[in-house]
């Protein structure tokens, strides 16, 4: 036994190291058939069942042109003519910038109306997910 001092307090400590004491800090192993194994104690590897599949850009690999008004009108609000943002369209940043530039160019040249969506394209199927989108009026 040895006296160990901590801030004026004395404590008696054994001189034996912890690793030599049975059942001290080491992890216990399961023993079966005389063999030591720790494989039974490990968790089983499996996929996360709650993980959502990664979102993919629907326009990657497709060329965007200002003359393709039918494609560009899918990313414009039918009521206000506003261009939908990335959080609604689901596009990557590069394609969203290309779509925005093409829509603005089509507005300037006169291929697309500025303040509303062309009525000829109102019945087209929706590419982007705008079901849960609501306009916030300030």
N, C-alpha and C. Protein backbone atom coordinates (compact mmCIF):
# COMPACT_ATOMS: atom_id res chain seq x y z
N UNK A 1 0.84 -1.17 0.00
CA UNK A 1 0.00 0.00 0.00
C UNK A 1 0.89 1.24 0.00
N UNK A 2 0.38 2.26 -0.67
CA UNK A 2 1.13 3.49 -0.82
C UNK A 2 0.18 4.65 -0.55
N UNK A 3 0.65 5.69 0.08
CA UNK A 3 -0.18 6.85 0.38
C UNK A 3 -0.08 7.83 -0.78
N UNK A 4 -1.22 8.21 -1.29
CA UNK A 4 -1.28 9.13 -2.41
C UNK A 4 -2.01 10.37 -1.94
N UNK A 5 -1.46 11.56 -2.21
CA UNK A 5 -2.08 12.79 -1.75
C UNK A 5 -2.73 13.55 -2.88
N UNK A 6 -3.96 14.02 -2.69
CA UNK A 6 -4.69 14.83 -3.66
C UNK A 6 -5.22 16.05 -2.93
N UNK A 7 -4.56 17.20 -3.09
CA UNK A 7 -5.04 18.44 -2.51
C UNK A 7 -5.18 18.38 -1.01
N UNK A 8 -4.25 17.79 -0.31
CA UNK A 8 -4.30 17.73 1.13
C UNK A 8 -4.99 16.48 1.67
N UNK A 9 -5.67 15.71 0.82
CA UNK A 9 -6.34 14.49 1.25
C UNK A 9 -5.42 13.31 0.99
N UNK A 10 -5.41 12.37 1.88
CA UNK A 10 -4.61 11.17 1.70
C UNK A 10 -5.50 10.00 1.36
N UNK A 11 -5.04 9.20 0.45
CA UNK A 11 -5.79 8.01 0.06
C UNK A 11 -4.81 6.86 -0.07
N UNK A 12 -5.23 5.69 0.32
CA UNK A 12 -4.38 4.51 0.18
C UNK A 12 -4.69 3.84 -1.14
N UNK A 13 -3.66 3.54 -1.92
CA UNK A 13 -3.85 2.91 -3.21
C UNK A 13 -3.00 1.66 -3.28
N UNK A 14 -3.53 0.64 -3.98
CA UNK A 14 -2.78 -0.59 -4.19
C UNK A 14 -1.75 -0.34 -5.29
N UNK A 15 -0.65 -1.00 -5.23
CA UNK A 15 0.41 -0.84 -6.21
C UNK A 15 0.24 -1.75 -7.42
N UNK A 16 -0.82 -2.55 -7.48
CA UNK A 16 -0.99 -3.46 -8.60
C UNK A 16 -1.66 -2.72 -9.75
N UNK A 17 -1.17 -2.90 -10.98
CA UNK A 17 -1.80 -2.23 -12.11
C UNK A 17 -3.18 -2.81 -12.40
N UNK A 18 -4.02 -2.02 -13.05
CA UNK A 18 -5.39 -2.43 -13.32
C UNK A 18 -5.46 -3.58 -14.32
N UNK A 19 -4.56 -3.64 -15.28
CA UNK A 19 -4.64 -4.64 -16.34
C UNK A 19 -4.43 -6.05 -15.79
N UNK A 20 -3.74 -6.19 -14.68
CA UNK A 20 -3.51 -7.52 -14.15
C UNK A 20 -4.65 -8.00 -13.26
N UNK A 21 -5.54 -7.12 -12.87
CA UNK A 21 -6.66 -7.53 -12.04
C UNK A 21 -7.72 -8.18 -12.91
N UNK A 22 -8.28 -9.29 -12.48
CA UNK A 22 -9.31 -9.95 -13.29
C UNK A 22 -10.60 -9.13 -13.32
N UNK A 23 -11.17 -8.98 -14.54
CA UNK A 23 -12.44 -8.28 -14.70
C UNK A 23 -12.36 -6.80 -14.44
N UNK A 24 -11.23 -6.18 -14.70
CA UNK A 24 -11.08 -4.75 -14.43
C UNK A 24 -11.67 -3.93 -15.58
N UNK A 25 -10.88 -3.24 -16.32
CA UNK A 25 -11.36 -2.34 -17.34
C UNK A 25 -11.52 -3.00 -18.71
N UNK A 26 -11.04 -4.21 -18.88
CA UNK A 26 -11.08 -4.85 -20.18
C UNK A 26 -12.48 -5.35 -20.50
N UNK A 27 -12.80 -5.40 -21.76
CA UNK A 27 -14.10 -5.87 -22.21
C UNK A 27 -14.17 -7.38 -22.03
N UNK A 28 -15.31 -7.82 -21.56
CA UNK A 28 -15.46 -9.27 -21.37
C UNK A 28 -15.80 -9.93 -22.70
N UNK A 29 -15.35 -11.13 -22.87
CA UNK A 29 -15.58 -11.88 -24.10
C UNK A 29 -16.51 -13.04 -23.79
N UNK A 30 -17.30 -13.42 -24.80
CA UNK A 30 -18.16 -14.58 -24.60
C UNK A 30 -17.35 -15.85 -24.89
N UNK A 31 -17.56 -16.86 -24.08
CA UNK A 31 -16.82 -18.10 -24.23
C UNK A 31 -17.83 -19.20 -24.57
N UNK A 32 -17.58 -19.89 -25.69
CA UNK A 32 -18.45 -20.98 -26.09
C UNK A 32 -17.58 -22.10 -26.65
N UNK A 33 -17.78 -23.27 -26.18
CA UNK A 33 -17.01 -24.45 -26.60
C UNK A 33 -15.52 -24.26 -26.37
N UNK A 34 -15.17 -23.52 -25.36
CA UNK A 34 -13.77 -23.34 -25.02
C UNK A 34 -13.05 -22.32 -25.88
N UNK A 35 -13.74 -21.70 -26.85
CA UNK A 35 -13.12 -20.70 -27.71
C UNK A 35 -13.59 -19.31 -27.27
N UNK A 36 -12.67 -18.38 -27.27
CA UNK A 36 -12.99 -17.00 -26.90
C UNK A 36 -13.40 -16.26 -28.18
N UNK A 37 -14.59 -15.65 -28.17
CA UNK A 37 -15.09 -14.96 -29.35
C UNK A 37 -15.79 -13.68 -28.93
N UNK A 38 -15.55 -12.64 -29.66
CA UNK A 38 -16.29 -11.41 -29.42
C UNK A 38 -17.17 -11.06 -30.61
N UNK A 39 -17.30 -11.95 -31.60
CA UNK A 39 -18.11 -11.69 -32.78
C UNK A 39 -19.61 -11.70 -32.47
N UNK A 40 -20.02 -12.45 -31.47
CA UNK A 40 -21.44 -12.52 -31.15
C UNK A 40 -21.93 -11.22 -30.54
N UNK A 41 -21.03 -10.46 -29.94
CA UNK A 41 -21.43 -9.24 -29.26
C UNK A 41 -21.51 -8.04 -30.20
N UNK A 42 -21.01 -8.16 -31.42
CA UNK A 42 -20.98 -7.04 -32.33
C UNK A 42 -22.35 -6.85 -32.99
N UNK A 43 -22.72 -5.61 -33.32
CA UNK A 43 -24.01 -5.39 -33.99
C UNK A 43 -23.97 -5.87 -35.43
N UNK A 44 -25.12 -6.21 -35.94
CA UNK A 44 -25.24 -6.70 -37.31
C UNK A 44 -25.31 -5.50 -38.25
N UNK A 45 -24.55 -5.52 -39.33
CA UNK A 45 -24.56 -4.45 -40.32
C UNK A 45 -25.81 -4.58 -41.18
N UNK A 46 -26.56 -3.49 -41.29
CA UNK A 46 -27.74 -3.48 -42.15
C UNK A 46 -27.98 -2.05 -42.63
N UNK A 47 -28.75 -1.92 -43.71
CA UNK A 47 -29.05 -0.61 -44.27
C UNK A 47 -30.04 0.12 -43.38
N UNK A 48 -29.97 1.44 -43.42
CA UNK A 48 -30.91 2.26 -42.67
C UNK A 48 -32.26 2.21 -43.38
N UNK A 49 -33.30 1.69 -42.73
CA UNK A 49 -34.60 1.58 -43.41
C UNK A 49 -35.28 2.93 -43.59
N UNK A 50 -34.85 3.96 -42.88
CA UNK A 50 -35.48 5.27 -42.95
C UNK A 50 -34.77 6.22 -43.91
N UNK A 51 -33.67 5.76 -44.49
CA UNK A 51 -32.90 6.61 -45.39
C UNK A 51 -33.66 6.79 -46.71
N UNK A 52 -33.81 8.05 -47.11
CA UNK A 52 -34.49 8.35 -48.36
C UNK A 52 -33.51 8.22 -49.51
N UNK A 53 -33.99 7.82 -50.68
CA UNK A 53 -33.08 7.73 -51.81
C UNK A 53 -32.59 9.12 -52.20
N UNK A 54 -31.37 9.24 -52.69
CA UNK A 54 -30.84 10.56 -53.03
C UNK A 54 -31.62 11.19 -54.18
N UNK A 55 -31.82 12.51 -54.09
CA UNK A 55 -32.53 13.22 -55.14
C UNK A 55 -31.61 13.38 -56.33
N UNK A 56 -32.18 13.23 -57.51
CA UNK A 56 -31.40 13.38 -58.73
C UNK A 56 -32.02 14.47 -59.59
N UNK A 57 -31.18 15.19 -60.25
CA UNK A 57 -31.63 16.25 -61.15
C UNK A 57 -32.26 15.62 -62.39
N UNK A 58 -33.45 16.08 -62.76
CA UNK A 58 -34.15 15.47 -63.90
C UNK A 58 -33.63 15.99 -65.23
N UNK A 59 -32.87 17.08 -65.21
CA UNK A 59 -32.39 17.65 -66.46
C UNK A 59 -30.91 17.39 -66.73
N UNK A 60 -30.22 16.70 -65.83
CA UNK A 60 -28.82 16.40 -66.11
C UNK A 60 -28.74 15.48 -67.32
N UNK A 61 -27.98 15.87 -68.30
CA UNK A 61 -27.87 15.10 -69.54
C UNK A 61 -28.80 15.62 -70.62
N UNK A 62 -29.64 16.63 -70.31
CA UNK A 62 -30.56 17.21 -71.29
C UNK A 62 -30.10 18.64 -71.56
N UNK A 63 -30.04 19.00 -72.83
CA UNK A 63 -29.61 20.37 -73.16
C UNK A 63 -30.79 21.32 -72.99
N UNK A 64 -30.53 22.46 -72.40
CA UNK A 64 -31.55 23.48 -72.16
C UNK A 64 -31.38 24.58 -73.19
N UNK A 65 -32.47 24.89 -73.91
CA UNK A 65 -32.40 25.91 -74.95
C UNK A 65 -33.54 26.90 -74.74
N UNK A 66 -33.28 28.16 -75.04
CA UNK A 66 -34.31 29.18 -74.83
C UNK A 66 -35.46 29.04 -75.82
N UNK A 67 -35.27 28.28 -76.91
CA UNK A 67 -36.33 28.09 -77.91
C UNK A 67 -37.32 26.99 -77.51
N UNK A 68 -36.95 26.15 -76.53
CA UNK A 68 -37.84 25.08 -76.08
C UNK A 68 -38.78 25.65 -75.00
N UNK A 69 -39.80 26.34 -75.45
CA UNK A 69 -40.70 27.06 -74.54
C UNK A 69 -41.55 26.10 -73.72
N UNK A 70 -41.88 24.97 -74.28
CA UNK A 70 -42.70 24.00 -73.55
C UNK A 70 -41.95 23.46 -72.32
N UNK A 71 -40.68 23.18 -72.46
CA UNK A 71 -39.88 22.73 -71.32
C UNK A 71 -39.70 23.85 -70.31
N UNK A 72 -39.40 25.05 -70.79
CA UNK A 72 -39.17 26.17 -69.88
C UNK A 72 -40.42 26.56 -69.11
N UNK A 73 -41.59 26.38 -69.71
CA UNK A 73 -42.83 26.77 -69.03
C UNK A 73 -43.15 25.86 -67.85
N UNK A 74 -42.51 24.70 -67.76
CA UNK A 74 -42.72 23.82 -66.62
C UNK A 74 -42.14 24.38 -65.33
N UNK A 75 -41.21 25.31 -65.44
CA UNK A 75 -40.53 25.87 -64.28
C UNK A 75 -40.99 27.29 -63.97
N UNK A 76 -42.17 27.66 -64.50
CA UNK A 76 -42.73 28.99 -64.29
C UNK A 76 -44.11 28.84 -63.67
N UNK A 77 -44.44 29.73 -62.73
CA UNK A 77 -45.75 29.71 -62.09
C UNK A 77 -46.83 30.13 -63.09
N UNK A 78 -47.96 29.40 -63.14
CA UNK A 78 -48.99 29.76 -64.11
C UNK A 78 -49.73 31.05 -63.76
N UNK A 79 -49.68 31.47 -62.50
CA UNK A 79 -50.44 32.63 -62.07
C UNK A 79 -49.62 33.91 -62.08
N UNK A 80 -48.37 33.83 -61.69
CA UNK A 80 -47.57 35.04 -61.56
C UNK A 80 -46.44 35.12 -62.58
N UNK A 81 -46.05 34.02 -63.18
CA UNK A 81 -44.94 34.02 -64.11
C UNK A 81 -43.59 33.93 -63.44
N UNK A 82 -43.58 33.73 -62.12
CA UNK A 82 -42.31 33.63 -61.40
C UNK A 82 -41.62 32.31 -61.72
N UNK A 83 -40.30 32.33 -61.70
CA UNK A 83 -39.51 31.12 -61.91
C UNK A 83 -39.41 30.40 -60.57
N UNK A 84 -39.74 29.11 -60.57
CA UNK A 84 -39.66 28.33 -59.33
C UNK A 84 -38.21 28.17 -58.90
N UNK A 85 -37.97 28.11 -57.59
CA UNK A 85 -36.64 27.94 -57.05
C UNK A 85 -36.20 26.49 -57.04
N UNK A 86 -34.96 26.27 -56.63
CA UNK A 86 -34.39 24.92 -56.59
C UNK A 86 -35.10 24.01 -55.62
N UNK A 87 -35.58 24.56 -54.52
CA UNK A 87 -36.24 23.72 -53.51
C UNK A 87 -37.56 23.17 -54.03
N UNK A 88 -38.12 23.77 -55.07
CA UNK A 88 -39.36 23.28 -55.67
C UNK A 88 -39.07 22.42 -56.88
N UNK A 89 -38.16 22.87 -57.74
CA UNK A 89 -37.90 22.14 -58.98
C UNK A 89 -37.07 20.88 -58.77
N UNK A 90 -36.21 20.88 -57.76
CA UNK A 90 -35.36 19.71 -57.52
C UNK A 90 -34.18 19.62 -58.46
N UNK A 91 -33.85 20.71 -59.13
CA UNK A 91 -32.72 20.71 -60.06
C UNK A 91 -31.42 20.96 -59.32
N UNK A 92 -30.32 20.56 -59.96
CA UNK A 92 -29.01 20.91 -59.41
C UNK A 92 -28.75 22.39 -59.70
N UNK A 93 -27.75 22.96 -59.06
CA UNK A 93 -27.47 24.38 -59.20
C UNK A 93 -27.14 24.79 -60.63
N UNK A 94 -26.38 23.96 -61.31
CA UNK A 94 -25.97 24.28 -62.68
C UNK A 94 -27.18 24.34 -63.61
N UNK A 95 -28.04 23.34 -63.55
CA UNK A 95 -29.21 23.31 -64.43
C UNK A 95 -30.23 24.38 -64.04
N UNK A 96 -30.34 24.71 -62.75
CA UNK A 96 -31.25 25.77 -62.34
C UNK A 96 -30.81 27.11 -62.92
N UNK A 97 -29.50 27.38 -62.92
CA UNK A 97 -28.99 28.61 -63.52
C UNK A 97 -29.24 28.63 -65.03
N UNK A 98 -29.05 27.47 -65.69
CA UNK A 98 -29.29 27.40 -67.13
C UNK A 98 -30.77 27.65 -67.44
N UNK A 99 -31.66 27.06 -66.66
CA UNK A 99 -33.11 27.25 -66.85
C UNK A 99 -33.46 28.73 -66.65
N UNK A 100 -32.92 29.34 -65.60
CA UNK A 100 -33.22 30.74 -65.32
C UNK A 100 -32.74 31.64 -66.44
N UNK A 101 -31.53 31.41 -66.93
CA UNK A 101 -31.01 32.22 -68.03
C UNK A 101 -31.83 32.02 -69.30
N UNK A 102 -32.21 30.77 -69.58
CA UNK A 102 -32.99 30.49 -70.79
C UNK A 102 -34.38 31.12 -70.70
N UNK A 103 -35.01 31.09 -69.54
CA UNK A 103 -36.34 31.70 -69.38
C UNK A 103 -36.24 33.21 -69.55
N UNK A 104 -35.23 33.82 -68.94
CA UNK A 104 -35.06 35.27 -69.09
C UNK A 104 -34.76 35.65 -70.53
N UNK A 105 -33.97 34.84 -71.21
CA UNK A 105 -33.66 35.11 -72.62
C UNK A 105 -34.93 34.97 -73.47
N UNK A 106 -35.75 33.96 -73.18
CA UNK A 106 -37.00 33.77 -73.92
C UNK A 106 -37.97 34.92 -73.65
N UNK A 107 -37.95 35.48 -72.44
CA UNK A 107 -38.77 36.66 -72.13
C UNK A 107 -38.34 37.85 -72.98
N UNK A 108 -37.03 38.09 -73.04
CA UNK A 108 -36.50 39.25 -73.76
C UNK A 108 -36.78 39.13 -75.26
N UNK A 109 -36.57 37.94 -75.80
CA UNK A 109 -36.76 37.75 -77.24
C UNK A 109 -38.24 37.73 -77.60
N UNK A 110 -39.10 37.33 -76.66
CA UNK A 110 -40.54 37.34 -76.91
C UNK A 110 -41.13 35.96 -77.15
N UNK A 111 -40.38 34.91 -76.82
CA UNK A 111 -40.91 33.56 -76.98
C UNK A 111 -41.88 33.18 -75.87
N UNK A 112 -41.71 33.77 -74.69
CA UNK A 112 -42.55 33.45 -73.53
C UNK A 112 -43.15 34.73 -72.95
N UNK A 113 -44.41 34.66 -72.46
CA UNK A 113 -44.95 35.83 -71.76
C UNK A 113 -44.28 35.98 -70.40
N UNK A 114 -44.19 37.22 -69.92
CA UNK A 114 -43.46 37.50 -68.69
C UNK A 114 -44.32 37.32 -67.45
N UNK A 115 -45.56 37.76 -67.50
CA UNK A 115 -46.37 37.84 -66.28
C UNK A 115 -47.26 36.62 -66.03
N UNK A 116 -47.34 35.69 -66.95
CA UNK A 116 -48.17 34.50 -66.75
C UNK A 116 -47.61 33.36 -67.59
N UNK A 117 -48.12 32.17 -67.36
CA UNK A 117 -47.72 31.00 -68.14
C UNK A 117 -48.61 30.92 -69.38
N UNK A 118 -48.04 30.54 -70.48
CA UNK A 118 -48.79 30.44 -71.73
C UNK A 118 -49.93 29.44 -71.56
N UNK A 119 -51.19 29.82 -71.87
CA UNK A 119 -52.33 28.90 -71.66
C UNK A 119 -52.24 27.61 -72.46
N UNK A 120 -51.46 27.60 -73.53
CA UNK A 120 -51.32 26.37 -74.32
C UNK A 120 -50.60 25.29 -73.54
N UNK A 121 -49.80 25.68 -72.53
CA UNK A 121 -49.01 24.71 -71.77
C UNK A 121 -49.58 24.43 -70.39
N UNK A 122 -50.77 24.92 -70.09
CA UNK A 122 -51.36 24.70 -68.76
C UNK A 122 -51.74 23.24 -68.52
N UNK A 123 -52.09 22.52 -69.59
CA UNK A 123 -52.51 21.13 -69.43
C UNK A 123 -51.35 20.14 -69.49
N UNK A 124 -50.13 20.61 -69.67
CA UNK A 124 -48.97 19.72 -69.71
C UNK A 124 -48.75 19.08 -68.34
N UNK A 125 -48.22 17.85 -68.32
CA UNK A 125 -47.91 17.22 -67.01
C UNK A 125 -46.80 17.97 -66.30
N UNK A 126 -46.90 18.03 -64.98
CA UNK A 126 -45.93 18.79 -64.20
C UNK A 126 -44.66 17.98 -63.99
N UNK A 127 -43.52 18.59 -64.27
CA UNK A 127 -42.23 17.94 -64.07
C UNK A 127 -41.79 18.07 -62.63
N UNK A 128 -41.91 19.28 -62.08
CA UNK A 128 -41.43 19.52 -60.72
C UNK A 128 -42.57 19.35 -59.72
N UNK A 129 -42.18 19.08 -58.48
CA UNK A 129 -43.14 18.79 -57.42
C UNK A 129 -43.60 20.11 -56.79
N UNK A 130 -44.79 20.58 -57.20
CA UNK A 130 -45.30 21.83 -56.66
C UNK A 130 -46.62 21.62 -55.94
N UNK A 131 -46.90 20.39 -55.51
CA UNK A 131 -48.16 20.10 -54.83
C UNK A 131 -48.28 20.84 -53.51
N UNK A 132 -47.22 20.81 -52.71
CA UNK A 132 -47.26 21.38 -51.38
C UNK A 132 -46.79 22.82 -51.33
N UNK A 133 -46.58 23.42 -52.48
CA UNK A 133 -46.05 24.79 -52.51
C UNK A 133 -47.20 25.77 -52.39
N UNK A 134 -47.08 26.74 -51.49
CA UNK A 134 -48.08 27.79 -51.33
C UNK A 134 -47.38 29.13 -51.37
N UNK A 135 -48.03 30.09 -51.97
CA UNK A 135 -47.47 31.43 -52.01
C UNK A 135 -47.69 32.10 -50.67
N UNK A 136 -46.69 32.79 -50.21
CA UNK A 136 -46.79 33.53 -48.95
C UNK A 136 -46.98 35.01 -49.30
N UNK A 137 -48.12 35.54 -48.96
CA UNK A 137 -48.39 36.95 -49.21
C UNK A 137 -47.98 37.74 -47.99
N UNK A 138 -47.16 38.74 -48.19
CA UNK A 138 -46.68 39.55 -47.07
C UNK A 138 -47.64 40.68 -46.76
